[in-house]
């Protein structure tokens, strides 16, 4: 078993599924309205744009209550691999 905060574990990374698998296995063709991650030349910039879009879209699901900011923190945690 891996340690609790193993930020390099297989399930703590993004960009680890091939374009072919995303399209054929998961039927994900139109991933974003802001960027096409399959053709965008800069992988890190593409990931930043996708995470920003994820944050923006999540606001409609978490706009009230005590957990309002939680989804943003979870997305930050996924993107930056930190627990702040």
PDB file of N, CA and C in Angstrom:
ATOM      1  N   UNK A   1       0.844  -1.186   0.000  1.00  0.00           N
ATOM      2  CA  UNK A   1       0.000   0.000   0.000  1.00  0.00           C
ATOM      3  C   UNK A   1       0.883   1.239   0.000  1.00  0.00           C
ATOM      4  N   UNK A   2       0.469   2.238  -0.748  1.00  0.00           N
ATOM      5  CA  UNK A   2       1.233   3.478  -0.839  1.00  0.00           C
ATOM      6  C   UNK A   2       0.903   4.400   0.323  1.00  0.00           C
ATOM      7  N   UNK A   3       1.823   5.315   0.604  1.00  0.00           N
ATOM      8  CA  UNK A   3       1.580   6.275   1.676  1.00  0.00           C
ATOM      9  C   UNK A   3       0.432   7.224   1.312  1.00  0.00           C
ATOM     10  N   UNK A   4      -0.108   7.875   2.320  1.00  0.00           N
ATOM     11  CA  UNK A   4      -1.302   8.706   2.166  1.00  0.00           C
ATOM     12  C   UNK A   4      -1.127   9.820   1.128  1.00  0.00           C
ATOM     13  N   UNK A   5      -0.069  10.580   1.205  1.00  0.00           N
ATOM     14  CA  UNK A   5       0.117  11.735   0.326  1.00  0.00           C
ATOM     15  C   UNK A   5       1.133  11.452  -0.774  1.00  0.00           C
ATOM     16  N   UNK A   6       0.955  10.367  -1.493  1.00  0.00           N
ATOM     17  CA  UNK A   6       1.832  10.007  -2.601  1.00  0.00           C
ATOM     18  C   UNK A   6       1.335  10.736  -3.844  1.00  0.00           C
ATOM     19  N   UNK A   7       1.880  11.931  -4.093  1.00  0.00           N
ATOM     20  CA  UNK A   7       1.403  12.766  -5.186  1.00  0.00           C
ATOM     21  C   UNK A   7       1.866  12.289  -6.556  1.00  0.00           C
ATOM     22  N   UNK A   8       2.634  11.242  -6.596  1.00  0.00           N
ATOM     23  CA  UNK A   8       3.085  10.703  -7.873  1.00  0.00           C
ATOM     24  C   UNK A   8       2.432   9.353  -8.175  1.00  0.00           C
ATOM     25  N   UNK A   9       1.434   8.994  -7.381  1.00  0.00           N
ATOM     26  CA  UNK A   9       0.682   7.760  -7.624  1.00  0.00           C
ATOM     27  C   UNK A   9      -0.051   7.878  -8.961  1.00  0.00           C
ATOM     28  N   UNK A  10      -0.322   6.746  -9.579  1.00  0.00           N
ATOM     29  CA  UNK A  10      -0.971   6.732 -10.893  1.00  0.00           C
ATOM     30  C   UNK A  10      -2.278   7.511 -10.923  1.00  0.00           C
ATOM     31  N   UNK A  11      -3.049   7.463  -9.844  1.00  0.00           N
ATOM     32  CA  UNK A  11      -4.345   8.145  -9.840  1.00  0.00           C
ATOM     33  C   UNK A  11      -4.249   9.610  -9.422  1.00  0.00           C
ATOM     34  N   UNK A  12      -3.044  10.119  -9.252  1.00  0.00           N
ATOM     35  CA  UNK A  12      -2.851  11.528  -8.889  1.00  0.00           C
ATOM     36  C   UNK A  12      -2.261  12.325 -10.052  1.00  0.00           C
ATOM     37  N   UNK A  13      -2.381  11.829 -11.255  1.00  0.00           N
ATOM     38  CA  UNK A  13      -1.828  12.505 -12.419  1.00  0.00           C
ATOM     39  C   UNK A  13      -2.921  12.780 -13.437  1.00  0.00           C
ATOM     40  N   UNK A  14      -2.693  13.787 -14.265  1.00  0.00           N
ATOM     41  CA  UNK A  14      -3.590  14.036 -15.385  1.00  0.00           C
ATOM     42  C   UNK A  14      -2.768  13.917 -16.662  1.00  0.00           C
ATOM     43  N   UNK A  15      -3.414  13.687 -17.755  1.00  0.00           N
ATOM     44  CA  UNK A  15      -2.715  13.534 -19.019  1.00  0.00           C
ATOM     45  C   UNK A  15      -2.157  12.137 -19.227  1.00  0.00           C
ATOM     46  N   UNK A  16      -2.612  11.189 -18.425  1.00  0.00           N
ATOM     47  CA  UNK A  16      -2.061   9.838 -18.487  1.00  0.00           C
ATOM     48  C   UNK A  16      -2.909   8.875 -19.319  1.00  0.00           C
ATOM     49  N   UNK A  17      -3.985   9.363 -19.907  1.00  0.00           N
ATOM     50  CA  UNK A  17      -4.820   8.524 -20.766  1.00  0.00           C
ATOM     51  C   UNK A  17      -4.632   9.008 -22.202  1.00  0.00           C
ATOM     52  N   UNK A  18      -4.385   8.113 -23.109  1.00  0.00           N
ATOM     53  CA  UNK A  18      -4.099   8.478 -24.496  1.00  0.00           C
ATOM     54  C   UNK A  18      -5.327   9.064 -25.192  1.00  0.00           C
ATOM     55  N   UNK A  19      -5.061   9.824 -26.244  1.00  0.00           N
ATOM     56  CA  UNK A  19      -6.144  10.380 -27.055  1.00  0.00           C
ATOM     57  C   UNK A  19      -7.013   9.259 -27.614  1.00  0.00           C
ATOM     58  N   UNK A  20      -6.383   8.198 -28.063  1.00  0.00           N
ATOM     59  CA  UNK A  20      -7.124   7.063 -28.624  1.00  0.00           C
ATOM     60  C   UNK A  20      -8.081   6.467 -27.590  1.00  0.00           C
ATOM     61  N   UNK A  21      -7.607   6.269 -26.361  1.00  0.00           N
ATOM     62  CA  UNK A  21      -8.458   5.704 -25.307  1.00  0.00           C
ATOM     63  C   UNK A  21      -9.607   6.646 -24.974  1.00  0.00           C
ATOM     64  N   UNK A  22      -9.326   7.938 -24.877  1.00  0.00           N
ATOM     65  CA  UNK A  22     -10.383   8.900 -24.569  1.00  0.00           C
ATOM     66  C   UNK A  22     -11.478   8.885 -25.636  1.00  0.00           C
ATOM     67  N   UNK A  23     -11.063   8.814 -26.886  1.00  0.00           N
ATOM     68  CA  UNK A  23     -12.033   8.863 -27.978  1.00  0.00           C
ATOM     69  C   UNK A  23     -12.744   7.532 -28.204  1.00  0.00           C
ATOM     70  N   UNK A  24     -11.991   6.441 -28.188  1.00  0.00           N
ATOM     71  CA  UNK A  24     -12.592   5.151 -28.525  1.00  0.00           C
ATOM     72  C   UNK A  24     -13.242   4.468 -27.325  1.00  0.00           C
ATOM     73  N   UNK A  25     -12.546   4.418 -26.221  1.00  0.00           N
ATOM     74  CA  UNK A  25     -13.066   3.701 -25.052  1.00  0.00           C
ATOM     75  C   UNK A  25     -14.101   4.514 -24.284  1.00  0.00           C
ATOM     76  N   UNK A  26     -13.798   5.807 -24.082  1.00  0.00           N
ATOM     77  CA  UNK A  26     -14.672   6.645 -23.253  1.00  0.00           C
ATOM     78  C   UNK A  26     -15.593   7.551 -24.072  1.00  0.00           C
ATOM     79  N   UNK A  27     -15.454   7.529 -25.393  1.00  0.00           N
ATOM     80  CA  UNK A  27     -16.316   8.314 -26.298  1.00  0.00           C
ATOM     81  C   UNK A  27     -16.255   9.813 -26.013  1.00  0.00           C
ATOM     82  N   UNK A  28     -15.090  10.299 -25.623  1.00  0.00           N
ATOM     83  CA  UNK A  28     -14.892  11.720 -25.341  1.00  0.00           C
ATOM     84  C   UNK A  28     -14.236  12.384 -26.544  1.00  0.00           C
ATOM     85  N   UNK A  29     -15.036  13.097 -27.306  1.00  0.00           N
ATOM     86  CA  UNK A  29     -14.522  13.759 -28.503  1.00  0.00           C
ATOM     87  C   UNK A  29     -14.497  15.270 -28.311  1.00  0.00           C
ATOM     88  N   UNK A  30     -15.575  15.830 -27.816  1.00  0.00           N
ATOM     89  CA  UNK A  30     -15.689  17.275 -27.606  1.00  0.00           C
ATOM     90  C   UNK A  30     -15.529  17.529 -26.111  1.00  0.00           C
ATOM     91  N   UNK A  31     -14.313  17.740 -25.681  1.00  0.00           N
ATOM     92  CA  UNK A  31     -13.998  17.806 -24.257  1.00  0.00           C
ATOM     93  C   UNK A  31     -14.218  19.186 -23.664  1.00  0.00           C
ATOM     94  N   UNK A  32     -13.964  20.222 -24.444  1.00  0.00           N
ATOM     95  CA  UNK A  32     -13.990  21.574 -23.901  1.00  0.00           C
ATOM     96  C   UNK A  32     -14.505  22.561 -24.934  1.00  0.00           C
ATOM     97  N   UNK A  33     -15.139  23.621 -24.440  1.00  0.00           N
ATOM     98  CA  UNK A  33     -15.553  24.702 -25.337  1.00  0.00           C
ATOM     99  C   UNK A  33     -14.445  25.744 -25.479  1.00  0.00           C
ATOM    100  N   UNK A  34     -13.385  25.608 -24.673  1.00  0.00           N
ATOM    101  CA  UNK A  34     -12.308  26.603 -24.673  1.00  0.00           C
ATOM    102  C   UNK A  34     -11.034  26.157 -25.381  1.00  0.00           C
ATOM    103  N   UNK A  35     -10.770  24.862 -25.377  1.00  0.00           N
ATOM    104  CA  UNK A  35      -9.510  24.384 -25.952  1.00  0.00           C
ATOM    105  C   UNK A  35      -9.687  22.941 -26.421  1.00  0.00           C
ATOM    106  N   UNK A  36      -9.004  22.600 -27.493  1.00  0.00           N
ATOM    107  CA  UNK A  36      -8.979  21.209 -27.943  1.00  0.00           C
ATOM    108  C   UNK A  36      -7.657  20.612 -27.456  1.00  0.00           C
ATOM    109  N   UNK A  37      -7.693  19.808 -26.405  1.00  0.00           N
ATOM    110  CA  UNK A  37      -6.446  19.297 -25.835  1.00  0.00           C
ATOM    111  C   UNK A  37      -5.700  18.343 -26.768  1.00  0.00           C
ATOM    112  N   UNK A  38      -6.382  17.835 -27.787  1.00  0.00           N
ATOM    113  CA  UNK A  38      -5.730  16.922 -28.724  1.00  0.00           C
ATOM    114  C   UNK A  38      -4.874  17.667 -29.745  1.00  0.00           C
ATOM    115  N   UNK A  39      -5.192  18.932 -29.998  1.00  0.00           N
ATOM    116  CA  UNK A  39      -4.460  19.683 -31.019  1.00  0.00           C
ATOM    117  C   UNK A  39      -3.711  20.886 -30.467  1.00  0.00           C
ATOM    118  N   UNK A  40      -3.983  21.291 -29.242  1.00  0.00           N
ATOM    119  CA  UNK A  40      -3.317  22.463 -28.665  1.00  0.00           C
ATOM    120  C   UNK A  40      -1.827  22.163 -28.513  1.00  0.00           C
ATOM    121  N   UNK A  41      -0.957  23.062 -28.956  1.00  0.00           N
ATOM    122  CA  UNK A  41       0.477  22.753 -28.982  1.00  0.00           C
ATOM    123  C   UNK A  41       1.166  22.667 -27.617  1.00  0.00           C
ATOM    124  N   UNK A  42       0.631  23.333 -26.597  1.00  0.00           N
ATOM    125  CA  UNK A  42       1.294  23.347 -25.294  1.00  0.00           C
ATOM    126  C   UNK A  42       0.453  22.562 -24.288  1.00  0.00           C
ATOM    127  N   UNK A  43       0.951  21.414 -23.870  1.00  0.00           N
ATOM    128  CA  UNK A  43       0.192  20.514 -22.986  1.00  0.00           C
ATOM    129  C   UNK A  43      -0.116  21.153 -21.627  1.00  0.00           C
ATOM    130  N   UNK A  44       0.855  21.838 -21.027  1.00  0.00           N
ATOM    131  CA  UNK A  44       0.626  22.454 -19.716  1.00  0.00           C
ATOM    132  C   UNK A  44      -0.384  23.591 -19.801  1.00  0.00           C
ATOM    133  N   UNK A  45      -0.283  24.393 -20.847  1.00  0.00           N
ATOM    134  CA  UNK A  45      -1.246  25.483 -21.029  1.00  0.00           C
ATOM    135  C   UNK A  45      -2.640  24.920 -21.291  1.00  0.00           C
ATOM    136  N   UNK A  46      -2.718  23.862 -22.058  1.00  0.00           N
ATOM    137  CA  UNK A  46      -3.995  23.200 -22.310  1.00  0.00           C
ATOM    138  C   UNK A  46      -4.605  22.706 -21.002  1.00  0.00           C
ATOM    139  N   UNK A  47      -3.794  22.077 -20.159  1.00  0.00           N
ATOM    140  CA  UNK A  47      -4.279  21.588 -18.863  1.00  0.00           C
ATOM    141  C   UNK A  47      -4.763  22.747 -17.999  1.00  0.00           C
ATOM    142  N   UNK A  48      -4.022  23.873 -18.003  1.00  0.00           N
ATOM    143  CA  UNK A  48      -4.429  25.042 -17.219  1.00  0.00           C
ATOM    144  C   UNK A  48      -5.797  25.547 -17.685  1.00  0.00           C
ATOM    145  N   UNK A  49      -5.986  25.628 -18.985  1.00  0.00           N
ATOM    146  CA  UNK A  49      -7.260  26.089 -19.539  1.00  0.00           C
ATOM    147  C   UNK A  49      -8.386  25.130 -19.160  1.00  0.00           C
ATOM    148  N   UNK A  50      -8.132  23.838 -19.243  1.00  0.00           N
ATOM    149  CA  UNK A  50      -9.152  22.844 -18.885  1.00  0.00           C
ATOM    150  C   UNK A  50      -9.517  22.920 -17.406  1.00  0.00           C
ATOM    151  N   UNK A  51      -8.515  23.074 -16.526  1.00  0.00           N
ATOM    152  CA  UNK A  51      -8.816  23.205 -15.096  1.00  0.00           C
ATOM    153  C   UNK A  51      -9.579  24.497 -14.815  1.00  0.00           C
ATOM    154  N   UNK A  52      -9.229  25.593 -15.500  1.00  0.00           N
ATOM    155  CA  UNK A  52      -9.970  26.848 -15.325  1.00  0.00           C
ATOM    156  C   UNK A  52     -11.427  26.684 -15.762  1.00  0.00           C
ATOM    157  N   UNK A  53     -11.633  25.971 -16.853  1.00  0.00           N
ATOM    158  CA  UNK A  53     -12.999  25.716 -17.314  1.00  0.00           C
ATOM    159  C   UNK A  53     -13.751  24.839 -16.311  1.00  0.00           C
ATOM    160  N   UNK A  54     -13.077  23.849 -15.769  1.00  0.00           N
ATOM    161  CA  UNK A  54     -13.654  22.972 -14.740  1.00  0.00           C
ATOM    162  C   UNK A  54     -14.114  23.804 -13.545  1.00  0.00           C
ATOM    163  N   UNK A  55     -13.246  24.731 -13.083  1.00  0.00           N
ATOM    164  CA  UNK A  55     -13.607  25.611 -11.964  1.00  0.00           C
ATOM    165  C   UNK A  55     -14.839  26.446 -12.302  1.00  0.00           C
ATOM    166  N   UNK A  56     -14.836  27.029 -13.479  1.00  0.00           N
ATOM    167  CA  UNK A  56     -15.941  27.887 -13.903  1.00  0.00           C
ATOM    168  C   UNK A  56     -17.264  27.116 -13.962  1.00  0.00           C
ATOM    169  N   UNK A  57     -17.239  25.939 -14.560  1.00  0.00           N
ATOM    170  CA  UNK A  57     -18.457  25.131 -14.672  1.00  0.00           C
ATOM    171  C   UNK A  57     -18.943  24.625 -13.318  1.00  0.00           C
ATOM    172  N   UNK A  58     -18.028  24.407 -12.395  1.00  0.00           N
ATOM    173  CA  UNK A  58     -18.407  23.876 -11.081  1.00  0.00           C
ATOM    174  C   UNK A  58     -19.151  24.901 -10.233  1.00  0.00           C
ATOM    175  N   UNK A  59     -18.992  26.182 -10.544  1.00  0.00           N
ATOM    176  CA  UNK A  59     -19.642  27.222  -9.737  1.00  0.00           C
ATOM    177  C   UNK A  59     -21.163  27.107  -9.761  1.00  0.00           C
ATOM    178  N   UNK A  60     -21.707  26.579 -10.829  1.00  0.00           N
ATOM    179  CA  UNK A  60     -23.164  26.424 -10.886  1.00  0.00           C
ATOM    180  C   UNK A  60     -23.652  25.319  -9.952  1.00  0.00           C
ATOM    181  N   UNK A  61     -22.744  24.472  -9.499  1.00  0.00           N
ATOM    182  CA  UNK A  61     -23.107  23.382  -8.597  1.00  0.00           C
ATOM    183  C   UNK A  61     -22.808  23.695  -7.136  1.00  0.00           C
ATOM    184  N   UNK A  62     -22.042  24.746  -6.899  1.00  0.00           N
ATOM    185  CA  UNK A  62     -21.616  25.021  -5.524  1.00  0.00           C
ATOM    186  C   UNK A  62     -21.687  26.514  -5.217  1.00  0.00           C
ATOM    187  N   UNK A  63     -22.842  27.111  -5.430  1.00  0.00           N
ATOM    188  CA  UNK A  63     -22.949  28.557  -5.264  1.00  0.00           C
ATOM    189  C   UNK A  63     -23.522  28.992  -3.920  1.00  0.00           C
ATOM    190  N   UNK A  64     -23.942  28.064  -3.065  1.00  0.00           N
ATOM    191  CA  UNK A  64     -24.467  28.418  -1.749  1.00  0.00           C
ATOM    192  C   UNK A  64     -24.003  27.411  -0.710  1.00  0.00           C
ATOM    193  N   UNK A  65     -24.142  27.802   0.544  1.00  0.00           N
ATOM    194  CA  UNK A  65     -23.887  26.869   1.635  1.00  0.00           C
ATOM    195  C   UNK A  65     -22.459  26.846   2.132  1.00  0.00           C
ATOM    196  N   UNK A  66     -22.271  26.050   3.176  1.00  0.00           N
ATOM    197  CA  UNK A  66     -20.968  26.009   3.832  1.00  0.00           C
ATOM    198  C   UNK A  66     -19.889  25.348   2.978  1.00  0.00           C
ATOM    199  N   UNK A  67     -20.281  24.588   1.974  1.00  0.00           N
ATOM    200  CA  UNK A  67     -19.308  23.903   1.118  1.00  0.00           C
ATOM    201  C   UNK A  67     -19.058  24.638  -0.198  1.00  0.00           C
ATOM    202  N   UNK A  68     -19.483  25.883  -0.263  1.00  0.00           N
ATOM    203  CA  UNK A  68     -19.406  26.671  -1.488  1.00  0.00           C
ATOM    204  C   UNK A  68     -18.003  26.682  -2.099  1.00  0.00           C
ATOM    205  N   UNK A  69     -16.986  26.875  -1.298  1.00  0.00           N
ATOM    206  CA  UNK A  69     -15.615  26.977  -1.811  1.00  0.00           C
ATOM    207  C   UNK A  69     -14.928  25.621  -1.933  1.00  0.00           C
ATOM    208  N   UNK A  70     -15.556  24.580  -1.454  1.00  0.00           N
ATOM    209  CA  UNK A  70     -14.907  23.270  -1.413  1.00  0.00           C
ATOM    210  C   UNK A  70     -14.558  22.723  -2.797  1.00  0.00           C
ATOM    211  N   UNK A  71     -15.451  22.847  -3.764  1.00  0.00           N
ATOM    212  CA  UNK A  71     -15.177  22.292  -5.088  1.00  0.00           C
ATOM    213  C   UNK A  71     -13.953  22.959  -5.707  1.00  0.00           C
ATOM    214  N   UNK A  72     -13.823  24.264  -5.525  1.00  0.00           N
ATOM    215  CA  UNK A  72     -12.644  24.971  -6.033  1.00  0.00           C
ATOM    216  C   UNK A  72     -11.366  24.461  -5.397  1.00  0.00           C
ATOM    217  N   UNK A  73     -11.416  24.197  -4.102  1.00  0.00           N
ATOM    218  CA  UNK A  73     -10.245  23.652  -3.406  1.00  0.00           C
ATOM    219  C   UNK A  73      -9.913  22.249  -3.907  1.00  0.00           C
ATOM    220  N   UNK A  74     -10.941  21.457  -4.169  1.00  0.00           N
ATOM    221  CA  UNK A  74     -10.710  20.108  -4.693  1.00  0.00           C
ATOM    222  C   UNK A  74     -10.081  20.152  -6.084  1.00  0.00           C
ATOM    223  N   UNK A  75     -10.547  21.064  -6.918  1.00  0.00           N
ATOM    224  CA  UNK A  75      -9.986  21.198  -8.265  1.00  0.00           C
ATOM    225  C   UNK A  75      -8.543  21.686  -8.178  1.00  0.00           C
ATOM    226  N   UNK A  76      -8.281  22.672  -7.306  1.00  0.00           N
ATOM    227  CA  UNK A  76      -6.902  23.136  -7.099  1.00  0.00           C
ATOM    228  C   UNK A  76      -6.012  21.992  -6.648  1.00  0.00           C
ATOM    229  N   UNK A  77      -6.530  21.187  -5.736  1.00  0.00           N
ATOM    230  CA  UNK A  77      -5.769  20.043  -5.225  1.00  0.00           C
ATOM    231  C   UNK A  77      -5.418  19.078  -6.364  1.00  0.00           C
ATOM    232  N   UNK A  78      -6.358  18.833  -7.254  1.00  0.00           N
ATOM    233  CA  UNK A  78      -6.086  17.945  -8.390  1.00  0.00           C
ATOM    234  C   UNK A  78      -5.048  18.548  -9.332  1.00  0.00           C
ATOM    235  N   UNK A  79      -5.177  19.852  -9.586  1.00  0.00           N
ATOM    236  CA  UNK A  79      -4.279  20.492 -10.543  1.00  0.00           C
ATOM    237  C   UNK A  79      -2.872  20.666  -9.990  1.00  0.00           C
ATOM    238  N   UNK A  80      -2.765  21.152  -8.760  1.00  0.00           N
ATOM    239  CA  UNK A  80      -1.456  21.523  -8.214  1.00  0.00           C
ATOM    240  C   UNK A  80      -0.858  20.486  -7.276  1.00  0.00           C
ATOM    241  N   UNK A  81      -1.627  19.425  -6.971  1.00  0.00           N
ATOM    242  CA  UNK A  81      -1.155  18.351  -6.093  1.00  0.00           C
ATOM    243  C   UNK A  81      -0.763  18.867  -4.712  1.00  0.00           C
ATOM    244  N   UNK A  82      -1.597  19.712  -4.157  1.00  0.00           N
ATOM    245  CA  UNK A  82      -1.362  20.173  -2.789  1.00  0.00           C
ATOM    246  C   UNK A  82      -2.649  20.078  -1.988  1.00  0.00           C
ATOM    247  N   UNK A  83      -2.518  20.146  -0.697  1.00  0.00           N
ATOM    248  CA  UNK A  83      -3.688  19.973   0.151  1.00  0.00           C
ATOM    249  C   UNK A  83      -4.151  21.234   0.830  1.00  0.00           C
ATOM    250  N   UNK A  84      -3.777  22.391   0.291  1.00  0.00           N
ATOM    251  CA  UNK A  84      -4.185  23.658   0.918  1.00  0.00           C
ATOM    252  C   UNK A  84      -5.681  23.836   0.852  1.00  0.00           C
TER     253      UNK A  84
END
